[in-house]
Amino acid sequence: MKKVYYLKTCSTCVRILKELNLPSDYILQDIKTEEITVKQLEEMKALAGSYESLFSKRSKLYKEMDLKNQNLTERDFKHYILEHYTFLSRPVIISGDSIFIGNSKKVVEEAKKSIGF
């Protein structure tokens, strides 16, 4: 599968997509307008190893809901990601059997290599 989960209103996501210059066979899914399904999230988890690795602890809601002071389980991480798109660490780039989560320089560089830059 070749897919990117992102937010088109996120300037960082847009910048990374431009930088990656993805081939036309990649499917882009704006998670604000097209919600993540349970099946999609489970596919991401299978590649990532855990729901926690897909979860954004930098989201505004994470702070507002004081989730850092709660003992969250994998089930909780899954629930919150499905409940609100802001909890997914973005972008999530799937290239075959590889997954790249987030916007760190290292992750973006690894994604570039996988895509064939």
PDB file of N, CA and C in Angstrom:
ATOM      1  N   MET A   1       0.840  -1.177   0.000  1.00  0.00           N
ATOM      2  CA  MET A   1       0.000   0.000   0.000  1.00  0.00           C
ATOM      3  C   MET A   1       0.885   1.240   0.000  1.00  0.00           C
ATOM      4  N   LYS A   2       0.423   2.269  -0.672  1.00  0.00           N
ATOM      5  CA  LYS A   2       1.125   3.547  -0.709  1.00  0.00           C
ATOM      6  C   LYS A   2       0.106   4.615  -0.353  1.00  0.00           C
ATOM      7  N   LYS A   3       0.227   5.124   0.877  1.00  0.00           N
ATOM      8  CA  LYS A   3      -0.799   6.034   1.372  1.00  0.00           C
ATOM      9  C   LYS A   3      -0.198   7.035   2.344  1.00  0.00           C
ATOM     10  N   VAL A   4      -0.826   8.218   2.393  1.00  0.00           N
ATOM     11  CA  VAL A   4      -0.416   9.240   3.347  1.00  0.00           C
ATOM     12  C   VAL A   4      -1.661   9.756   4.061  1.00  0.00           C
ATOM     13  N   TYR A   5      -1.618   9.701   5.389  1.00  0.00           N
ATOM     14  CA  TYR A   5      -2.659  10.295   6.221  1.00  0.00           C
ATOM     15  C   TYR A   5      -2.106  11.635   6.693  1.00  0.00           C
ATOM     16  N   TYR A   6      -2.846  12.707   6.423  1.00  0.00           N
ATOM     17  CA  TYR A   6      -2.330  14.037   6.726  1.00  0.00           C
ATOM     18  C   TYR A   6      -3.493  15.005   6.947  1.00  0.00           C
ATOM     19  N   LEU A   7      -3.159  16.230   7.276  1.00  0.00           N
ATOM     20  CA  LEU A   7      -4.144  17.313   7.384  1.00  0.00           C
ATOM     21  C   LEU A   7      -3.787  18.376   6.361  1.00  0.00           C
ATOM     22  N   LYS A   8      -4.709  18.701   5.474  1.00  0.00           N
ATOM     23  CA  LYS A   8      -4.387  19.712   4.465  1.00  0.00           C
ATOM     24  C   LYS A   8      -4.342  21.112   5.068  1.00  0.00           C
ATOM     25  N   THR A   9      -4.861  21.271   6.296  1.00  0.00           N
ATOM     26  CA  THR A   9      -4.793  22.572   6.966  1.00  0.00           C
ATOM     27  C   THR A   9      -3.526  22.711   7.809  1.00  0.00           C
ATOM     28  N   CYS A  10      -2.702  21.679   7.827  1.00  0.00           N
ATOM     29  CA  CYS A  10      -1.457  21.693   8.610  1.00  0.00           C
ATOM     30  C   CYS A  10      -0.306  22.091   7.681  1.00  0.00           C
ATOM     31  N   SER A  11       0.291  23.230   7.948  1.00  0.00           N
ATOM     32  CA  SER A  11       1.363  23.725   7.072  1.00  0.00           C
ATOM     33  C   SER A  11       2.571  22.782   7.072  1.00  0.00           C
ATOM     34  N   THR A  12       2.834  22.114   8.179  1.00  0.00           N
ATOM     35  CA  THR A  12       3.947  21.168   8.240  1.00  0.00           C
ATOM     36  C   THR A  12       3.681  19.975   7.328  1.00  0.00           C
ATOM     37  N   CYS A  13       2.463  19.440   7.375  1.00  0.00           N
ATOM     38  CA  CYS A  13       2.100  18.312   6.494  1.00  0.00           C
ATOM     39  C   CYS A  13       2.229  18.711   5.028  1.00  0.00           C
ATOM     40  N   VAL A  14       1.713  19.895   4.687  1.00  0.00           N
ATOM     41  CA  VAL A  14       1.759  20.372   3.302  1.00  0.00           C
ATOM     42  C   VAL A  14       3.208  20.533   2.846  1.00  0.00           C
ATOM     43  N   ARG A  15       4.054  21.101   3.702  1.00  0.00           N
ATOM     44  CA  ARG A  15       5.471  21.277   3.368  1.00  0.00           C
ATOM     45  C   ARG A  15       6.147  19.925   3.130  1.00  0.00           C
ATOM     46  N   ILE A  16       5.872  18.957   3.997  1.00  0.00           N
ATOM     47  CA  ILE A  16       6.483  17.629   3.859  1.00  0.00           C
ATOM     48  C   ILE A  16       6.021  16.956   2.574  1.00  0.00           C
ATOM     49  N   LEU A  17       4.734  17.077   2.244  1.00  0.00           N
ATOM     50  CA  LEU A  17       4.232  16.478   1.004  1.00  0.00           C
ATOM     51  C   LEU A  17       4.919  17.086  -0.218  1.00  0.00           C
ATOM     52  N   LYS A  18       5.126  18.394  -0.202  1.00  0.00           N
ATOM     53  CA  LYS A  18       5.832  19.049  -1.306  1.00  0.00           C
ATOM     54  C   LYS A  18       7.269  18.540  -1.386  1.00  0.00           C
ATOM     55  N   GLU A  19       7.886  18.419  -0.227  1.00  0.00           N
ATOM     56  CA  GLU A  19       9.278  17.964  -0.153  1.00  0.00           C
ATOM     57  C   GLU A  19       9.418  16.525  -0.675  1.00  0.00           C
ATOM     58  N   LEU A  20       8.427  15.682  -0.381  1.00  0.00           N
ATOM     59  CA  LEU A  20       8.483  14.284  -0.795  1.00  0.00           C
ATOM     60  C   LEU A  20       8.199  14.108  -2.283  1.00  0.00           C
ATOM     61  N   ASN A  21       7.421  15.034  -2.860  1.00  0.00           N
ATOM     62  CA  ASN A  21       7.086  14.958  -4.280  1.00  0.00           C
ATOM     63  C   ASN A  21       6.647  13.538  -4.646  1.00  0.00           C
ATOM     64  N   LEU A  22       5.584  13.092  -3.998  1.00  0.00           N
ATOM     65  CA  LEU A  22       5.118  11.711  -4.113  1.00  0.00           C
ATOM     66  C   LEU A  22       4.686  11.340  -5.532  1.00  0.00           C
ATOM     67  N   PRO A  23       4.989  10.110  -5.924  1.00  0.00           N
ATOM     68  CA  PRO A  23       4.485   9.615  -7.205  1.00  0.00           C
ATOM     69  C   PRO A  23       2.950   9.562  -7.188  1.00  0.00           C
ATOM     70  N   SER A  24       2.340   9.517  -8.340  1.00  0.00           N
ATOM     71  CA  SER A  24       0.878   9.578  -8.441  1.00  0.00           C
ATOM     72  C   SER A  24       0.175   8.330  -7.902  1.00  0.00           C
ATOM     73  N   ASP A  25       0.927   7.254  -7.632  1.00  0.00           N
ATOM     74  CA  ASP A  25       0.268   6.055  -7.112  1.00  0.00           C
ATOM     75  C   ASP A  25       0.047   6.095  -5.596  1.00  0.00           C
ATOM     76  N   TYR A  26       0.438   7.185  -4.953  1.00  0.00           N
ATOM     77  CA  TYR A  26       0.173   7.350  -3.527  1.00  0.00           C
ATOM     78  C   TYR A  26      -1.219   7.933  -3.327  1.00  0.00           C
ATOM     79  N   ILE A  27      -1.947   7.381  -2.361  1.00  0.00           N
ATOM     80  CA  ILE A  27      -3.279   7.883  -2.023  1.00  0.00           C
ATOM     81  C   ILE A  27      -3.123   8.834  -0.852  1.00  0.00           C
ATOM     82  N   LEU A  28      -3.684  10.036  -0.989  1.00  0.00           N
ATOM     83  CA  LEU A  28      -3.651  11.021   0.096  1.00  0.00           C
ATOM     84  C   LEU A  28      -5.006  11.051   0.780  1.00  0.00           C
ATOM     85  N   GLN A  29      -4.995  10.975   2.107  1.00  0.00           N
ATOM     86  CA  GLN A  29      -6.250  11.042   2.859  1.00  0.00           C
ATOM     87  C   GLN A  29      -6.158  12.160   3.888  1.00  0.00           C
ATOM     88  N   ASP A  30      -6.970  13.189   3.676  1.00  0.00           N
ATOM     89  CA  ASP A  30      -7.071  14.285   4.642  1.00  0.00           C
ATOM     90  C   ASP A  30      -7.936  13.777   5.789  1.00  0.00           C
ATOM     91  N   ILE A  31      -7.329  13.567   6.952  1.00  0.00           N
ATOM     92  CA  ILE A  31      -8.034  12.912   8.061  1.00  0.00           C
ATOM     93  C   ILE A  31      -9.098  13.794   8.710  1.00  0.00           C
ATOM     94  N   LYS A  32      -9.118  15.072   8.361  1.00  0.00           N
ATOM     95  CA  LYS A  32     -10.167  15.939   8.894  1.00  0.00           C
ATOM     96  C   LYS A  32     -11.459  15.766   8.099  1.00  0.00           C
ATOM     97  N   THR A  33     -11.350  15.600   6.793  1.00  0.00           N
ATOM     98  CA  THR A  33     -12.543  15.469   5.952  1.00  0.00           C
ATOM     99  C   THR A  33     -12.932  14.010   5.714  1.00  0.00           C
ATOM    100  N   GLU A  34     -11.975  13.104   5.827  1.00  0.00           N
ATOM    101  CA  GLU A  34     -12.245  11.665   5.668  1.00  0.00           C
ATOM    102  C   GLU A  34     -11.669  10.941   6.878  1.00  0.00           C
ATOM    103  N   GLU A  35     -12.544  10.663   7.847  1.00  0.00           N
ATOM    104  CA  GLU A  35     -12.098  10.088   9.115  1.00  0.00           C
ATOM    105  C   GLU A  35     -11.385   8.747   8.924  1.00  0.00           C
ATOM    106  N   ILE A  36     -10.494   8.473   9.847  1.00  0.00           N
ATOM    107  CA  ILE A  36      -9.771   7.204   9.861  1.00  0.00           C
ATOM    108  C   ILE A  36     -10.738   6.120  10.319  1.00  0.00           C
ATOM    109  N   THR A  37     -10.743   5.005   9.609  1.00  0.00           N
ATOM    110  CA  THR A  37     -11.601   3.890  10.001  1.00  0.00           C
ATOM    111  C   THR A  37     -10.851   2.989  10.979  1.00  0.00           C
ATOM    112  N   VAL A  38     -11.602   2.141  11.659  1.00  0.00           N
ATOM    113  CA  VAL A  38     -11.002   1.174  12.580  1.00  0.00           C
ATOM    114  C   VAL A  38     -10.016   0.295  11.801  1.00  0.00           C
ATOM    115  N   LYS A  39     -10.431  -0.153  10.625  1.00  0.00           N
ATOM    116  CA  LYS A  39      -9.569  -1.024   9.809  1.00  0.00           C
ATOM    117  C   LYS A  39      -8.270  -0.307   9.430  1.00  0.00           C
ATOM    118  N   GLN A  40      -8.365   0.956   9.011  1.00  0.00           N
ATOM    119  CA  GLN A  40      -7.165   1.715   8.641  1.00  0.00           C
ATOM    120  C   GLN A  40      -6.225   1.862   9.835  1.00  0.00           C
ATOM    121  N   LEU A  41      -6.792   2.175  10.997  1.00  0.00           N
ATOM    122  CA  LEU A  41      -5.964   2.349  12.187  1.00  0.00           C
ATOM    123  C   LEU A  41      -5.310   1.027  12.583  1.00  0.00           C
ATOM    124  N   GLU A  42      -6.046  -0.065  12.458  1.00  0.00           N
ATOM    125  CA  GLU A  42      -5.473  -1.376  12.782  1.00  0.00           C
ATOM    126  C   GLU A  42      -4.348  -1.739  11.814  1.00  0.00           C
ATOM    127  N   GLU A  43      -4.494  -1.354  10.534  1.00  0.00           N
ATOM    128  CA  GLU A  43      -3.418  -1.581   9.559  1.00  0.00           C
ATOM    129  C   GLU A  43      -2.180  -0.767   9.927  1.00  0.00           C
ATOM    130  N   MET A  44      -2.388   0.483  10.340  1.00  0.00           N
ATOM    131  CA  MET A  44      -1.260   1.327  10.759  1.00  0.00           C
ATOM    132  C   MET A  44      -0.573   0.728  11.968  1.00  0.00           C
ATOM    133  N   LYS A  45      -1.365   0.255  12.929  1.00  0.00           N
ATOM    134  CA  LYS A  45      -0.812  -0.332  14.158  1.00  0.00           C
ATOM    135  C   LYS A  45       0.004  -1.578  13.843  1.00  0.00           C
ATOM    136  N   ALA A  46      -0.473  -2.390  12.882  1.00  0.00           N
ATOM    137  CA  ALA A  46       0.252  -3.608  12.511  1.00  0.00           C
ATOM    138  C   ALA A  46       1.656  -3.265  12.003  1.00  0.00           C
ATOM    139  N   LEU A  47       1.771  -2.156  11.270  1.00  0.00           N
ATOM    140  CA  LEU A  47       3.077  -1.729  10.757  1.00  0.00           C
ATOM    141  C   LEU A  47       3.912  -1.022  11.825  1.00  0.00           C
ATOM    142  N   ALA A  48       3.241  -0.235  12.667  1.00  0.00           N
ATOM    143  CA  ALA A  48       3.944   0.586  13.658  1.00  0.00           C
ATOM    144  C   ALA A  48       4.303  -0.183  14.925  1.00  0.00           C
ATOM    145  N   GLY A  49       3.521  -1.211  15.245  1.00  0.00           N
ATOM    146  CA  GLY A  49       3.805  -1.992  16.449  1.00  0.00           C
ATOM    147  C   GLY A  49       2.933  -1.639  17.635  1.00  0.00           C
ATOM    148  N   SER A  50       2.411  -0.407  17.673  1.00  0.00           N
ATOM    149  CA  SER A  50       1.549  -0.010  18.793  1.00  0.00           C
ATOM    150  C   SER A  50       0.710   1.195  18.404  1.00  0.00           C
ATOM    151  N   TYR A  51      -0.387   1.370  19.128  1.00  0.00           N
ATOM    152  CA  TYR A  51      -1.203   2.565  18.922  1.00  0.00           C
ATOM    153  C   TYR A  51      -0.501   3.784  19.513  1.00  0.00           C
ATOM    154  N   GLU A  52       0.239   3.549  20.584  1.00  0.00           N
ATOM    155  CA  GLU A  52       0.942   4.663  21.232  1.00  0.00           C
ATOM    156  C   GLU A  52       1.920   5.337  20.267  1.00  0.00           C
ATOM    157  N   SER A  53       2.571   4.553  19.418  1.00  0.00           N
ATOM    158  CA  SER A  53       3.536   5.143  18.478  1.00  0.00           C
ATOM    159  C   SER A  53       2.846   6.010  17.425  1.00  0.00           C
ATOM    160  N   LEU A  54       1.542   5.831  17.237  1.00  0.00           N
ATOM    161  CA  LEU A  54       0.770   6.633  16.290  1.00  0.00           C
ATOM    162  C   LEU A  54       0.123   7.848  16.961  1.00  0.00           C
ATOM    163  N   PHE A  55       0.198   7.897  18.281  1.00  0.00           N
ATOM    164  CA  PHE A  55      -0.511   8.900  19.080  1.00  0.00           C
ATOM    165  C   PHE A  55       0.330  10.161  19.261  1.00  0.00           C
ATOM    166  N   SER A  56      -0.294  11.296  19.048  1.00  0.00           N
ATOM    167  CA  SER A  56       0.406  12.573  19.217  1.00  0.00           C
ATOM    168  C   SER A  56       0.211  13.116  20.628  1.00  0.00           C
ATOM    169  N   LYS A  57       1.309  13.178  21.360  1.00  0.00           N
ATOM    170  CA  LYS A  57       1.262  13.752  22.709  1.00  0.00           C
ATOM    171  C   LYS A  57       1.513  15.254  22.663  1.00  0.00           C
ATOM    172  N   ARG A  58       1.605  15.795  21.455  1.00  0.00           N
ATOM    173  CA  ARG A  58       1.803  17.237  21.293  1.00  0.00           C
ATOM    174  C   ARG A  58       0.504  17.950  20.924  1.00  0.00           C
ATOM    175  N   SER A  59      -0.583  17.187  20.784  1.00  0.00           N
ATOM    176  CA  SER A  59      -1.851  17.805  20.368  1.00  0.00           C
ATOM    177  C   SER A  59      -2.417  18.684  21.479  1.00  0.00           C
ATOM    178  N   LYS A  60      -3.139  19.688  21.058  1.00  0.00           N
ATOM    179  CA  LYS A  60      -3.755  20.631  21.984  1.00  0.00           C
ATOM    180  C   LYS A  60      -4.739  19.910  22.920  1.00  0.00           C
ATOM    181  N   LEU A  61      -5.523  18.999  22.354  1.00  0.00           N
ATOM    182  CA  LEU A  61      -6.502  18.258  23.156  1.00  0.00           C
ATOM    183  C   LEU A  61      -5.834  17.386  24.219  1.00  0.00           C
ATOM    184  N   TYR A  62      -4.659  16.850  23.899  1.00  0.00           N
ATOM    185  CA  TYR A  62      -3.929  16.024  24.867  1.00  0.00           C
ATOM    186  C   TYR A  62      -3.658  16.822  26.131  1.00  0.00           C
ATOM    187  N   LYS A  63      -3.261  18.066  25.930  1.00  0.00           N
ATOM    188  CA  LYS A  63      -2.974  18.945  27.070  1.00  0.00           C
ATOM    189  C   LYS A  63      -4.262  19.384  27.755  1.00  0.00           C
ATOM    190  N   GLU A  64      -5.259  19.780  26.951  1.00  0.00           N
ATOM    191  CA  GLU A  64      -6.529  20.248  27.507  1.00  0.00           C
ATOM    192  C   GLU A  64      -7.232  19.175  28.333  1.00  0.00           C
ATOM    193  N   MET A  65      -7.153  17.930  27.893  1.00  0.00           N
ATOM    194  CA  MET A  65      -7.817  16.828  28.596  1.00  0.00           C
ATOM    195  C   MET A  65      -6.951  16.252  29.719  1.00  0.00           C
ATOM    196  N   ASP A  66      -5.757  16.834  29.899  1.00  0.00           N
ATOM    197  CA  ASP A  66      -4.822  16.409  30.942  1.00  0.00           C
ATOM    198  C   ASP A  66      -4.520  14.900  30.856  1.00  0.00           C
ATOM    199  N   LEU A  67      -4.355  14.418  29.629  1.00  0.00           N
ATOM    200  CA  LEU A  67      -4.118  12.986  29.430  1.00  0.00           C
ATOM    201  C   LEU A  67      -2.731  12.547  29.894  1.00  0.00           C
ATOM    202  N   LYS A  68      -1.788  13.496  29.966  1.00  0.00           N
ATOM    203  CA  LYS A  68      -0.429  13.111  30.387  1.00  0.00           C
ATOM    204  C   LYS A  68      -0.401  12.618  31.832  1.00  0.00           C
ATOM    205  N   ASN A  69      -1.397  13.012  32.603  1.00  0.00           N
ATOM    206  CA  ASN A  69      -1.459  12.585  34.002  1.00  0.00           C
ATOM    207  C   ASN A  69      -2.336  11.348  34.186  1.00  0.00           C
ATOM    208  N   GLN A  70      -2.706  10.723  33.081  1.00  0.00           N
ATOM    209  CA  GLN A  70      -3.493   9.494  33.152  1.00  0.00           C
ATOM    210  C   GLN A  70      -2.642   8.340  32.641  1.00  0.00           C
ATOM    211  N   ASN A  71      -2.919   7.167  33.141  1.00  0.00           N
ATOM    212  CA  ASN A  71      -2.188   5.967  32.723  1.00  0.00           C
ATOM    213  C   ASN A  71      -2.917   5.361  31.525  1.00  0.00           C
ATOM    214  N   LEU A  72      -2.558   5.808  30.320  1.00  0.00           N
ATOM    215  CA  LEU A  72      -3.250   5.382  29.112  1.00  0.00           C
ATOM    216  C   LEU A  72      -2.772   4.011  28.642  1.00  0.00           C
ATOM    217  N   THR A  73      -3.716   3.197  28.199  1.00  0.00           N
ATOM    218  CA  THR A  73      -3.412   1.868  27.672  1.00  0.00           C
ATOM    219  C   THR A  73      -3.469   1.917  26.148  1.00  0.00           C
ATOM    220  N   GLU A  74      -3.080   0.839  25.506  1.00  0.00           N
ATOM    221  CA  GLU A  74      -3.183   0.751  24.045  1.00  0.00           C
ATOM    222  C   GLU A  74      -4.632   0.964  23.605  1.00  0.00           C
ATOM    223  N   ARG A  75      -5.545   0.423  24.368  1.00  0.00           N
ATOM    224  CA  ARG A  75      -6.975   0.583  24.059  1.00  0.00           C
ATOM    225  C   ARG A  75      -7.376   2.059  24.103  1.00  0.00           C
ATOM    226  N   ASP A  76      -6.832   2.785  25.095  1.00  0.00           N
ATOM    227  CA  ASP A  76      -7.119   4.224  25.208  1.00  0.00           C
ATOM    228  C   ASP A  76      -6.550   4.985  24.013  1.00  0.00           C
ATOM    229  N   PHE A  77      -5.308   4.674  23.629  1.00  0.00           N
ATOM    230  CA  PHE A  77      -4.692   5.363  22.491  1.00  0.00           C
ATOM    231  C   PHE A  77      -5.530   5.149  21.232  1.00  0.00           C
ATOM    232  N   LYS A  78      -5.966   3.912  21.013  1.00  0.00           N
ATOM    233  CA  LYS A  78      -6.799   3.597  19.849  1.00  0.00           C
ATOM    234  C   LYS A  78      -8.098   4.403  19.902  1.00  0.00           C
ATOM    235  N   HIS A  79      -8.731   4.398  21.055  1.00  0.00           N
ATOM    236  CA  HIS A  79      -9.998   5.116  21.232  1.00  0.00           C
ATOM    237  C   HIS A  79      -9.854   6.603  20.912  1.00  0.00           C
ATOM    238  N   TYR A  80      -8.845   7.234  21.463  1.00  0.00           N
ATOM    239  CA  TYR A  80      -8.665   8.674  21.256  1.00  0.00           C
ATOM    240  C   TYR A  80      -8.341   9.012  19.795  1.00  0.00           C
ATOM    241  N   ILE A  81      -7.520   8.202  19.146  1.00  0.00           N
ATOM    242  CA  ILE A  81      -7.198   8.454  17.731  1.00  0.00           C
ATOM    243  C   ILE A  81      -8.466   8.365  16.885  1.00  0.00           C
ATOM    244  N   LEU A  82      -9.293   7.375  17.165  1.00  0.00           N
ATOM    245  CA  LEU A  82     -10.539   7.230  16.403  1.00  0.00           C
ATOM    246  C   LEU A  82     -11.550   8.321  16.749  1.00  0.00           C
ATOM    247  N   GLU A  83     -11.483   8.809  17.975  1.00  0.00           N
ATOM    248  CA  GLU A  83     -12.431   9.829  18.430  1.00  0.00           C
ATOM    249  C   GLU A  83     -12.160  11.189  17.790  1.00  0.00           C
ATOM    250  N   HIS A  84     -10.879  11.549  17.663  1.00  0.00           N
ATOM    251  CA  HIS A  84     -10.556  12.865  17.110  1.00  0.00           C
ATOM    252  C   HIS A  84      -9.234  12.810  16.344  1.00  0.00           C
ATOM    253  N   TYR A  85      -9.278  13.317  15.114  1.00  0.00           N
ATOM    254  CA  TYR A  85      -8.111  13.252  14.218  1.00  0.00           C
ATOM    255  C   TYR A  85      -6.848  13.892  14.789  1.00  0.00           C
ATOM    256  N   THR A  86      -7.003  14.844  15.687  1.00  0.00           N
ATOM    257  CA  THR A  86      -5.830  15.563  16.213  1.00  0.00           C
ATOM    258  C   THR A  86      -4.888  14.648  17.004  1.00  0.00           C
ATOM    259  N   PHE A  87      -5.394  13.490  17.436  1.00  0.00           N
ATOM    260  CA  PHE A  87      -4.559  12.584  18.217  1.00  0.00           C
ATOM    261  C   PHE A  87      -3.631  11.707  17.358  1.00  0.00           C
ATOM    262  N   LEU A  88      -3.805  11.729  16.046  1.00  0.00           N
ATOM    263  CA  LEU A  88      -2.898  10.972  15.181  1.00  0.00           C
ATOM    264  C   LEU A  88      -1.666  11.827  14.905  1.00  0.00           C
ATOM    265  N   SER A  89      -0.512  11.270  15.174  1.00  0.00           N
ATOM    266  CA  SER A  89       0.734  11.959  14.866  1.00  0.00           C
ATOM    267  C   SER A  89       0.850  12.044  13.352  1.00  0.00           C
ATOM    268  N   ARG A  90       1.097  13.253  12.827  1.00  0.00           N
ATOM    269  CA  ARG A  90       1.031  13.447  11.378  1.00  0.00           C
ATOM    270  C   ARG A  90       2.340  13.962  10.805  1.00  0.00           C
ATOM    271  N   PRO A  91       2.516  13.689   9.519  1.00  0.00           N
ATOM    272  CA  PRO A  91       1.759  12.769   8.668  1.00  0.00           C
ATOM    273  C   PRO A  91       2.150  11.324   8.942  1.00  0.00           C
ATOM    274  N   VAL A  92       1.299  10.399   8.507  1.00  0.00           N
ATOM    275  CA  VAL A  92       1.633   8.974   8.536  1.00  0.00           C
ATOM    276  C   VAL A  92       1.783   8.567   7.080  1.00  0.00           C
ATOM    277  N   ILE A  93       2.972   8.112   6.745  1.00  0.00           N
ATOM    278  CA  ILE A  93       3.284   7.728   5.364  1.00  0.00           C
ATOM    279  C   ILE A  93       3.496   6.218   5.331  1.00  0.00           C
ATOM    280  N   ILE A  94       2.720   5.549   4.494  1.00  0.00           N
ATOM    281  CA  ILE A  94       2.872   4.101   4.333  1.00  0.00           C
ATOM    282  C   ILE A  94       3.397   3.843   2.930  1.00  0.00           C
ATOM    283  N   SER A  95       4.526   3.162   2.890  1.00  0.00           N
ATOM    284  CA  SER A  95       5.161   2.835   1.613  1.00  0.00           C
ATOM    285  C   SER A  95       5.473   1.342   1.637  1.00  0.00           C
ATOM    286  N   GLY A  96       4.576   0.560   1.049  1.00  0.00           N
ATOM    287  CA  GLY A  96       4.740  -0.890   1.096  1.00  0.00           C
ATOM    288  C   GLY A  96       4.575  -1.408   2.503  1.00  0.00           C
ATOM    289  N   ASP A  97       5.609  -2.068   3.023  1.00  0.00           N
ATOM    290  CA  ASP A  97       5.567  -2.601   4.383  1.00  0.00           C
ATOM    291  C   ASP A  97       6.208  -1.665   5.396  1.00  0.00           C
ATOM    292  N   SER A  98       6.542  -0.441   4.970  1.00  0.00           N
ATOM    293  CA  SER A  98       7.180   0.527   5.862  1.00  0.00           C
ATOM    294  C   SER A  98       6.194   1.621   6.253  1.00  0.00           C
ATOM    295  N   ILE A  99       6.339   2.090   7.484  1.00  0.00           N
ATOM    296  CA  ILE A  99       5.502   3.189   7.958  1.00  0.00           C
ATOM    297  C   ILE A  99       6.406   4.268   8.547  1.00  0.00           C
ATOM    298  N   PHE A 100       6.052   5.511   8.268  1.00  0.00           N
ATOM    299  CA  PHE A 100       6.816   6.662   8.758  1.00  0.00           C
ATOM    300  C   PHE A 100       5.822   7.579   9.457  1.00  0.00           C
ATOM    301  N   ILE A 101       6.075   7.821  10.733  1.00  0.00           N
ATOM    302  CA  ILE A 101       5.112   8.547  11.559  1.00  0.00           C
ATOM    303  C   ILE A 101       5.709   9.841  12.062  1.00  0.00           C
ATOM    304  N   GLY A 102       5.000  10.937  11.804  1.00  0.00           N
ATOM    305  CA  GLY A 102       5.416  12.225  12.341  1.00  0.00           C
ATOM    306  C   GLY A 102       6.231  13.042  11.373  1.00  0.00           C
ATOM    307  N   ASN A 103       6.742  14.159  11.888  1.00  0.00           N
ATOM    308  CA  ASN A 103       7.372  15.134  11.006  1.00  0.00           C
ATOM    309  C   ASN A 103       8.817  15.459  11.366  1.00  0.00           C
ATOM    310  N   SER A 104       9.455  14.590  12.140  1.00  0.00           N
ATOM    311  CA  SER A 104      10.857  14.859  12.463  1.00  0.00           C
ATOM    312  C   SER A 104      11.709  14.739  11.202  1.00  0.00           C
ATOM    313  N   LYS A 105      12.816  15.459  11.183  1.00  0.00           N
ATOM    314  CA  LYS A 105      13.716  15.430  10.022  1.00  0.00           C
ATOM    315  C   LYS A 105      14.141  14.001   9.681  1.00  0.00           C
ATOM    316  N   LYS A 106      14.455  13.221  10.718  1.00  0.00           N
ATOM    317  CA  LYS A 106      14.917  11.844  10.526  1.00  0.00           C
ATOM    318  C   LYS A 106      13.839  11.004   9.843  1.00  0.00           C
ATOM    319  N   VAL A 107      12.604  11.129  10.306  1.00  0.00           N
ATOM    320  CA  VAL A 107      11.494  10.360   9.731  1.00  0.00           C
ATOM    321  C   VAL A 107      11.270  10.750   8.270  1.00  0.00           C
ATOM    322  N   VAL A 108      11.294  12.044   7.986  1.00  0.00           N
ATOM    323  CA  VAL A 108      11.078  12.530   6.623  1.00  0.00           C
ATOM    324  C   VAL A 108      12.195  12.033   5.701  1.00  0.00           C
ATOM    325  N   GLU A 109      13.436  12.059   6.178  1.00  0.00           N
ATOM    326  CA  GLU A 109      14.562  11.570   5.368  1.00  0.00           C
ATOM    327  C   GLU A 109      14.427  10.069   5.083  1.00  0.00           C
ATOM    328  N   GLU A 110      14.001   9.287   6.094  1.00  0.00           N
ATOM    329  CA  GLU A 110      13.815   7.859   5.894  1.00  0.00           C
ATOM    330  C   GLU A 110      12.692   7.600   4.888  1.00  0.00           C
ATOM    331  N   ALA A 111      11.625   8.398   4.967  1.00  0.00           N
ATOM    332  CA  ALA A 111      10.507   8.266   4.023  1.00  0.00           C
ATOM    333  C   ALA A 111      10.991   8.548   2.600  1.00  0.00           C
ATOM    334  N   LYS A 112      11.809   9.586   2.456  1.00  0.00           N
ATOM    335  CA  LYS A 112      12.350   9.934   1.134  1.00  0.00           C
ATOM    336  C   LYS A 112      13.109   8.755   0.545  1.00  0.00           C
ATOM    337  N   LYS A 113      13.948   8.123   1.355  1.00  0.00           N
ATOM    338  CA  LYS A 113      14.735   6.984   0.882  1.00  0.00           C
ATOM    339  C   LYS A 113      13.821   5.840   0.444  1.00  0.00           C
ATOM    340  N   SER A 114      12.773   5.603   1.219  1.00  0.00           N
ATOM    341  CA  SER A 114      11.844   4.515   0.920  1.00  0.00           C
ATOM    342  C   SER A 114      11.076   4.776  -0.373  1.00  0.00           C
ATOM    343  N   ILE A 115      10.741   6.032  -0.612  1.00  0.00           N
ATOM    344  CA  ILE A 115       9.986   6.408  -1.801  1.00  0.00           C
ATOM    345  C   ILE A 115      10.878   6.368  -3.041  1.00  0.00           C
ATOM    346  N   GLY A 116      12.170   6.547  -2.830  1.00  0.00           N
ATOM    347  CA  GLY A 116      13.092   6.455  -3.940  1.00  0.00           C
ATOM    348  C   GLY A 116      13.710   7.770  -4.351  1.00  0.00           C
ATOM    349  N   PHE A 117      13.878   8.656  -3.399  1.00  0.00           N
ATOM    350  CA  PHE A 117      14.510   9.963  -3.663  1.00  0.00           C
ATOM    351  C   PHE A 117      15.981   9.787  -3.942  1.00  0.00           C
TER     352      PHE A 117
END
